[in-house]
Amino acid sequence: MLESCPGAIGVKGAPTIKIKVCPECGKNIEIFSNITKNPCTNCGFIVYNDSMSCVKWCRYAKECVGEELYNQITGIGE
């Protein structure tokens, strides 16, 4: 993996957390920067991580964040 890409700060290393509101029931849902989706614990609605990531367009992304995280973010293997 590459060591110093500034675009991958929120993707690799310590994940950041966002709180989103479930559009179905209004409950707060925690979603980490290193996951693509998370179900609401109240109603099961799937909330997606909509933060833009360089992983989706950078040609070095797989090398930078590693194959497993790359596949998860890009949806490969789902």
N, C-alpha and C. Protein backbone atom coordinates (compact mmCIF):
# COMPACT_ATOMS: atom_id res chain seq x y z
N MET A 1 0.83 -1.19 0.00
CA MET A 1 0.00 0.00 0.00
C MET A 1 0.88 1.25 0.00
N LEU A 2 0.38 2.29 -0.61
CA LEU A 2 1.07 3.57 -0.59
C LEU A 2 0.94 4.18 0.80
N GLU A 3 1.88 5.01 1.18
CA GLU A 3 1.89 5.55 2.54
C GLU A 3 1.35 6.97 2.68
N SER A 4 1.38 7.79 1.63
CA SER A 4 1.14 9.21 1.87
C SER A 4 0.12 9.88 0.95
N CYS A 5 -0.91 9.20 0.55
CA CYS A 5 -1.92 9.83 -0.30
C CYS A 5 -2.87 10.66 0.56
N PRO A 6 -2.93 11.97 0.37
CA PRO A 6 -3.81 12.80 1.20
C PRO A 6 -5.29 12.56 0.92
N GLY A 7 -5.64 12.05 -0.25
CA GLY A 7 -7.04 11.81 -0.59
C GLY A 7 -7.64 10.63 0.14
N ALA A 8 -6.82 9.75 0.68
CA ALA A 8 -7.33 8.55 1.33
C ALA A 8 -7.35 8.65 2.85
N ILE A 9 -7.19 9.85 3.38
CA ILE A 9 -7.14 10.02 4.83
C ILE A 9 -8.38 9.47 5.52
N GLY A 10 -9.56 9.72 4.99
CA GLY A 10 -10.78 9.22 5.61
C GLY A 10 -11.09 7.78 5.28
N VAL A 11 -10.31 7.17 4.40
CA VAL A 11 -10.59 5.80 3.96
C VAL A 11 -9.70 4.80 4.64
N LYS A 12 -8.40 5.08 4.67
CA LYS A 12 -7.49 4.13 5.33
C LYS A 12 -7.02 4.76 6.64
N GLY A 13 -6.50 3.95 7.49
CA GLY A 13 -6.13 4.44 8.82
C GLY A 13 -7.33 4.40 9.74
N ALA A 14 -7.36 5.26 10.71
CA ALA A 14 -8.48 5.29 11.65
C ALA A 14 -9.73 5.81 10.95
N PRO A 15 -10.80 5.03 10.95
CA PRO A 15 -12.02 5.49 10.27
C PRO A 15 -12.68 6.64 11.01
N THR A 16 -13.37 7.46 10.26
CA THR A 16 -14.15 8.54 10.85
C THR A 16 -15.60 8.07 10.91
N ILE A 17 -16.41 8.74 11.69
CA ILE A 17 -17.80 8.34 11.85
C ILE A 17 -18.73 9.51 11.51
N LYS A 18 -19.83 9.18 10.86
CA LYS A 18 -20.87 10.15 10.56
C LYS A 18 -22.16 9.64 11.19
N ILE A 19 -22.98 10.55 11.61
CA ILE A 19 -24.30 10.20 12.09
C ILE A 19 -25.29 10.63 11.00
N LYS A 20 -26.08 9.67 10.53
CA LYS A 20 -27.10 9.96 9.53
C LYS A 20 -28.45 9.67 10.15
N VAL A 21 -29.48 10.27 9.62
CA VAL A 21 -30.83 10.03 10.09
C VAL A 21 -31.51 9.08 9.11
N CYS A 22 -32.09 8.03 9.64
CA CYS A 22 -32.79 7.06 8.82
C CYS A 22 -34.00 7.74 8.18
N PRO A 23 -34.13 7.69 6.86
CA PRO A 23 -35.26 8.33 6.20
C PRO A 23 -36.59 7.60 6.43
N GLU A 24 -36.52 6.38 6.92
CA GLU A 24 -37.75 5.61 7.18
C GLU A 24 -38.32 5.86 8.57
N CYS A 25 -37.46 5.85 9.61
CA CYS A 25 -37.98 5.93 10.98
C CYS A 25 -37.43 7.09 11.79
N GLY A 26 -36.41 7.79 11.27
CA GLY A 26 -35.87 8.96 11.96
C GLY A 26 -34.80 8.66 13.00
N LYS A 27 -34.44 7.40 13.19
CA LYS A 27 -33.40 7.03 14.17
C LYS A 27 -32.02 7.42 13.65
N ASN A 28 -31.12 7.81 14.55
CA ASN A 28 -29.74 8.09 14.16
C ASN A 28 -29.01 6.79 13.85
N ILE A 29 -28.23 6.82 12.78
CA ILE A 29 -27.46 5.66 12.34
C ILE A 29 -26.00 6.08 12.24
N GLU A 30 -25.12 5.31 12.88
CA GLU A 30 -23.68 5.57 12.77
C GLU A 30 -23.17 4.88 11.52
N ILE A 31 -22.41 5.61 10.71
CA ILE A 31 -21.80 4.99 9.54
C ILE A 31 -20.33 5.41 9.49
N PHE A 32 -19.45 4.43 9.45
CA PHE A 32 -18.02 4.67 9.44
C PHE A 32 -17.51 4.88 8.02
N SER A 33 -16.44 5.63 7.88
CA SER A 33 -15.89 5.97 6.57
C SER A 33 -15.36 4.77 5.80
N ASN A 34 -15.09 3.67 6.49
CA ASN A 34 -14.52 2.51 5.82
C ASN A 34 -15.56 1.43 5.50
N ILE A 35 -16.85 1.76 5.60
CA ILE A 35 -17.89 0.83 5.17
C ILE A 35 -18.78 1.52 4.16
N THR A 36 -19.42 0.74 3.32
CA THR A 36 -20.24 1.31 2.26
C THR A 36 -21.71 1.44 2.63
N LYS A 37 -22.18 0.60 3.56
CA LYS A 37 -23.59 0.67 3.94
C LYS A 37 -23.77 0.12 5.35
N ASN A 38 -24.87 0.52 5.98
CA ASN A 38 -25.16 0.08 7.33
C ASN A 38 -26.68 0.05 7.51
N PRO A 39 -27.22 -1.04 8.07
CA PRO A 39 -28.67 -1.08 8.29
C PRO A 39 -29.07 -0.31 9.56
N CYS A 40 -30.24 0.26 9.52
CA CYS A 40 -30.80 0.91 10.70
C CYS A 40 -31.14 -0.17 11.71
N THR A 41 -30.72 0.02 12.96
CA THR A 41 -30.99 -0.98 13.98
C THR A 41 -32.45 -0.98 14.42
N ASN A 42 -33.19 0.06 14.05
CA ASN A 42 -34.59 0.14 14.43
C ASN A 42 -35.52 -0.49 13.39
N CYS A 43 -35.31 -0.16 12.09
CA CYS A 43 -36.25 -0.63 11.07
C CYS A 43 -35.60 -1.47 9.98
N GLY A 44 -34.26 -1.52 9.94
CA GLY A 44 -33.56 -2.33 8.94
C GLY A 44 -33.28 -1.64 7.62
N PHE A 45 -33.73 -0.39 7.45
CA PHE A 45 -33.46 0.35 6.23
C PHE A 45 -31.96 0.47 6.01
N ILE A 46 -31.49 0.22 4.80
CA ILE A 46 -30.06 0.30 4.49
C ILE A 46 -29.68 1.73 4.15
N VAL A 47 -28.74 2.29 4.90
CA VAL A 47 -28.22 3.63 4.65
C VAL A 47 -26.84 3.46 4.04
N TYR A 48 -26.58 4.20 2.95
CA TYR A 48 -25.31 4.11 2.24
C TYR A 48 -24.41 5.27 2.60
N ASN A 49 -23.13 4.99 2.60
CA ASN A 49 -22.12 6.01 2.84
C ASN A 49 -21.95 6.79 1.56
N ASP A 50 -22.40 8.02 1.54
CA ASP A 50 -22.38 8.82 0.32
C ASP A 50 -21.17 9.75 0.22
N SER A 51 -20.21 9.60 1.12
CA SER A 51 -19.05 10.47 1.04
C SER A 51 -18.24 10.12 -0.21
N MET A 52 -17.82 11.14 -0.92
CA MET A 52 -17.04 10.93 -2.13
C MET A 52 -15.65 10.46 -1.75
N SER A 53 -15.20 9.47 -2.43
CA SER A 53 -13.89 8.91 -2.13
C SER A 53 -13.07 8.83 -3.41
N CYS A 54 -11.81 9.13 -3.30
CA CYS A 54 -10.91 9.03 -4.45
C CYS A 54 -10.78 7.58 -4.91
N VAL A 55 -11.16 6.64 -4.05
CA VAL A 55 -11.06 5.22 -4.39
C VAL A 55 -11.89 4.92 -5.64
N LYS A 56 -12.95 5.65 -5.85
CA LYS A 56 -13.83 5.38 -6.99
C LYS A 56 -13.25 5.86 -8.32
N TRP A 57 -12.27 6.75 -8.30
CA TRP A 57 -11.75 7.25 -9.57
C TRP A 57 -10.23 7.19 -9.73
N CYS A 58 -9.49 7.05 -8.66
CA CYS A 58 -8.03 7.09 -8.75
C CYS A 58 -7.46 5.78 -9.28
N ARG A 59 -6.58 5.85 -10.24
CA ARG A 59 -6.01 4.62 -10.82
C ARG A 59 -5.06 3.89 -9.87
N TYR A 60 -4.64 4.55 -8.80
CA TYR A 60 -3.76 3.93 -7.81
C TYR A 60 -4.52 3.45 -6.57
N ALA A 61 -5.82 3.54 -6.59
CA ALA A 61 -6.63 3.28 -5.39
C ALA A 61 -6.42 1.89 -4.81
N LYS A 62 -6.40 0.87 -5.66
CA LYS A 62 -6.26 -0.49 -5.14
C LYS A 62 -4.93 -0.65 -4.42
N GLU A 63 -3.89 -0.07 -4.96
CA GLU A 63 -2.56 -0.13 -4.34
C GLU A 63 -2.54 0.70 -3.05
N CYS A 64 -3.25 1.80 -3.05
CA CYS A 64 -3.24 2.72 -1.92
C CYS A 64 -3.96 2.17 -0.69
N VAL A 65 -5.19 1.68 -0.88
CA VAL A 65 -6.00 1.25 0.27
C VAL A 65 -6.01 -0.25 0.47
N GLY A 66 -5.47 -1.00 -0.47
CA GLY A 66 -5.47 -2.46 -0.37
C GLY A 66 -6.66 -3.06 -1.10
N GLU A 67 -6.50 -4.26 -1.58
CA GLU A 67 -7.51 -4.89 -2.42
C GLU A 67 -8.84 -5.12 -1.69
N GLU A 68 -8.80 -5.55 -0.44
CA GLU A 68 -10.04 -5.85 0.29
C GLU A 68 -10.90 -4.59 0.46
N LEU A 69 -10.31 -3.50 0.94
CA LEU A 69 -11.06 -2.27 1.12
C LEU A 69 -11.49 -1.68 -0.23
N TYR A 70 -10.62 -1.79 -1.22
CA TYR A 70 -10.97 -1.32 -2.57
C TYR A 70 -12.21 -2.02 -3.09
N ASN A 71 -12.24 -3.36 -2.95
CA ASN A 71 -13.38 -4.14 -3.42
C ASN A 71 -14.65 -3.78 -2.66
N GLN A 72 -14.54 -3.52 -1.36
CA GLN A 72 -15.70 -3.16 -0.56
C GLN A 72 -16.25 -1.81 -0.99
N ILE A 73 -15.40 -0.83 -1.17
CA ILE A 73 -15.84 0.51 -1.52
C ILE A 73 -16.42 0.56 -2.93
N THR A 74 -15.82 -0.15 -3.86
CA THR A 74 -16.29 -0.11 -5.24
C THR A 74 -17.43 -1.07 -5.51
N GLY A 75 -17.76 -1.92 -4.54
CA GLY A 75 -18.86 -2.85 -4.71
C GLY A 75 -18.50 -4.13 -5.43
N ILE A 76 -17.23 -4.37 -5.68
CA ILE A 76 -16.81 -5.59 -6.35
C ILE A 76 -17.01 -6.76 -5.40
N GLY A 77 -17.64 -7.79 -5.89
CA GLY A 77 -17.86 -8.99 -5.09
C GLY A 77 -19.15 -9.00 -4.30
N GLU A 78 -20.00 -7.98 -4.50
CA GLU A 78 -21.29 -7.96 -3.79
C GLU A 78 -22.34 -8.69 -4.58
